[in-house]
Amino acid sequence: MAIRPHFYLKQIAPAEKAEAIVADTTAPFESLYVGGGGNVRILLKDGTSVTLNALGTGTFVPVTGVLVKSSATTATNLVGLS
């Protein structure tokens, strides 16, 4: 059986737009930069929410979201990239 490595990964292109994230304000993004480590609760395009725990300072997270929720979010200096 042949192994197809990384066939499921989406190619990541450089961002063309960067916007500071204000919790509970709709601002769609394709990637998230975490300036100050902590947890981030994200509302995804399909309407589900996910909490990403213990993200480190300076982390880039390749996730497509609609907004960052203030509940359960402890990370700071978040920037949405698209």
C-alpha atoms as a PDB file:
ATOM      1  CA  MET A   1       0.000   0.000   0.000  1.00  0.00           C
ATOM      2  CA  ALA A   2       1.418   3.361  -1.013  1.00  0.00           C
ATOM      3  CA  ILE A   3       1.465   6.136   1.546  1.00  0.00           C
ATOM      4  CA  ARG A   4       0.314   9.529   0.375  1.00  0.00           C
ATOM      5  CA  PRO A   5       1.834  11.980   2.861  1.00  0.00           C
ATOM      6  CA  HIS A   6       0.133  15.298   3.455  1.00  0.00           C
ATOM      7  CA  PHE A   7      -2.584  14.716   0.844  1.00  0.00           C
ATOM      8  CA  TYR A   8      -5.104  16.187   3.264  1.00  0.00           C
ATOM      9  CA  LEU A   9      -3.278  19.453   3.964  1.00  0.00           C
ATOM     10  CA  LYS A  10      -4.484  22.661   2.388  1.00  0.00           C
ATOM     11  CA  GLN A  11      -1.758  24.714   0.794  1.00  0.00           C
ATOM     12  CA  ILE A  12      -1.138  27.827   2.858  1.00  0.00           C
ATOM     13  CA  ALA A  13      -0.626  31.043   0.905  1.00  0.00           C
ATOM     14  CA  PRO A  14       0.801  34.273   2.311  1.00  0.00           C
ATOM     15  CA  ALA A  15      -1.792  36.538   3.894  1.00  0.00           C
ATOM     16  CA  GLU A  16      -2.995  39.566   1.967  1.00  0.00           C
ATOM     17  CA  LYS A  17      -4.949  41.088   4.848  1.00  0.00           C
ATOM     18  CA  ALA A  18      -4.332  41.349   8.596  1.00  0.00           C
ATOM     19  CA  GLU A  19      -6.852  42.613  11.134  1.00  0.00           C
ATOM     20  CA  ALA A  20      -6.764  42.834  14.921  1.00  0.00           C
ATOM     21  CA  ILE A  21      -9.347  40.478  16.408  1.00  0.00           C
ATOM     22  CA  VAL A  22     -11.945  41.995  18.728  1.00  0.00           C
ATOM     23  CA  ALA A  23     -13.746  39.229  20.633  1.00  0.00           C
ATOM     24  CA  ASP A  24     -17.415  38.650  19.751  1.00  0.00           C
ATOM     25  CA  THR A  25     -17.152  40.808  16.615  1.00  0.00           C
ATOM     26  CA  THR A  26     -17.560  39.088  13.250  1.00  0.00           C
ATOM     27  CA  ALA A  27     -14.279  39.228  11.345  1.00  0.00           C
ATOM     28  CA  PRO A  28     -13.717  36.138   9.150  1.00  0.00           C
ATOM     29  CA  PHE A  29     -10.142  34.863   8.941  1.00  0.00           C
ATOM     30  CA  GLU A  30      -8.218  32.002   7.332  1.00  0.00           C
ATOM     31  CA  SER A  31      -5.394  31.929   9.855  1.00  0.00           C
ATOM     32  CA  LEU A  32      -4.881  33.294  13.331  1.00  0.00           C
ATOM     33  CA  TYR A  33      -1.793  34.805  14.945  1.00  0.00           C
ATOM     34  CA  VAL A  34      -1.570  34.581  18.754  1.00  0.00           C
ATOM     35  CA  GLY A  35       0.568  37.392  20.179  1.00  0.00           C
ATOM     36  CA  GLY A  36       0.089  36.426  23.836  1.00  0.00           C
ATOM     37  CA  GLY A  37      -0.378  32.751  24.667  1.00  0.00           C
ATOM     38  CA  GLY A  38      -3.498  31.183  26.121  1.00  0.00           C
ATOM     39  CA  ASN A  39      -6.776  29.605  25.011  1.00  0.00           C
ATOM     40  CA  VAL A  40      -8.849  30.702  22.004  1.00  0.00           C
ATOM     41  CA  ARG A  41     -12.513  29.810  21.404  1.00  0.00           C
ATOM     42  CA  ILE A  42     -13.384  30.066  17.709  1.00  0.00           C
ATOM     43  CA  LEU A  43     -16.723  29.962  15.886  1.00  0.00           C
ATOM     44  CA  LEU A  44     -16.201  28.016  12.658  1.00  0.00           C
ATOM     45  CA  LYS A  45     -17.989  28.600   9.333  1.00  0.00           C
ATOM     46  CA  ASP A  46     -20.273  25.598   9.891  1.00  0.00           C
ATOM     47  CA  GLY A  47     -21.551  27.113  13.154  1.00  0.00           C
ATOM     48  CA  THR A  48     -19.649  24.884  15.554  1.00  0.00           C
ATOM     49  CA  SER A  49     -17.282  26.201  18.205  1.00  0.00           C
ATOM     50  CA  VAL A  50     -13.902  24.845  19.186  1.00  0.00           C
ATOM     51  CA  THR A  51     -11.533  25.832  21.982  1.00  0.00           C
ATOM     52  CA  LEU A  52      -7.823  25.632  21.199  1.00  0.00           C
ATOM     53  CA  ASN A  53      -6.033  25.269  24.518  1.00  0.00           C
ATOM     54  CA  ALA A  54      -2.546  26.344  25.599  1.00  0.00           C
ATOM     55  CA  LEU A  55      -1.500  28.106  22.390  1.00  0.00           C
ATOM     56  CA  GLY A  56       1.986  29.522  22.708  1.00  0.00           C
ATOM     57  CA  THR A  57       3.026  33.121  22.188  1.00  0.00           C
ATOM     58  CA  GLY A  58       3.867  33.777  18.540  1.00  0.00           C
ATOM     59  CA  THR A  59       1.799  30.858  17.244  1.00  0.00           C
ATOM     60  CA  PHE A  60       0.163  30.842  13.794  1.00  0.00           C
ATOM     61  CA  VAL A  61      -2.961  28.654  13.659  1.00  0.00           C
ATOM     62  CA  PRO A  62      -4.217  27.667  10.169  1.00  0.00           C
ATOM     63  CA  VAL A  63      -7.951  27.625  10.940  1.00  0.00           C
ATOM     64  CA  THR A  64     -10.820  29.270   9.086  1.00  0.00           C
ATOM     65  CA  GLY A  65     -13.123  31.023  11.516  1.00  0.00           C
ATOM     66  CA  VAL A  66     -15.920  33.564  11.611  1.00  0.00           C
ATOM     67  CA  LEU A  67     -15.211  35.096  15.010  1.00  0.00           C
ATOM     68  CA  VAL A  68     -13.347  34.630  18.275  1.00  0.00           C
ATOM     69  CA  LYS A  69     -15.602  34.269  21.300  1.00  0.00           C
ATOM     70  CA  SER A  70     -14.720  36.096  24.504  1.00  0.00           C
ATOM     71  CA  SER A  71     -15.900  33.170  26.649  1.00  0.00           C
ATOM     72  CA  ALA A  72     -12.982  30.800  27.290  1.00  0.00           C
ATOM     73  CA  THR A  73     -10.535  33.003  25.351  1.00  0.00           C
ATOM     74  CA  THR A  74      -7.512  33.969  27.444  1.00  0.00           C
ATOM     75  CA  ALA A  75      -4.961  34.587  24.669  1.00  0.00           C
ATOM     76  CA  THR A  76      -4.174  38.202  23.787  1.00  0.00           C
ATOM     77  CA  ASN A  77      -3.028  40.267  20.805  1.00  0.00           C
ATOM     78  CA  LEU A  78      -4.893  38.118  18.293  1.00  0.00           C
ATOM     79  CA  VAL A  79      -4.624  38.958  14.586  1.00  0.00           C
ATOM     80  CA  GLY A  80      -6.823  37.451  11.878  1.00  0.00           C
ATOM     81  CA  LEU A  81      -5.058  36.800   8.570  1.00  0.00           C
ATOM     82  CA  SER A  82      -6.637  36.217   5.193  1.00  0.00           C
END
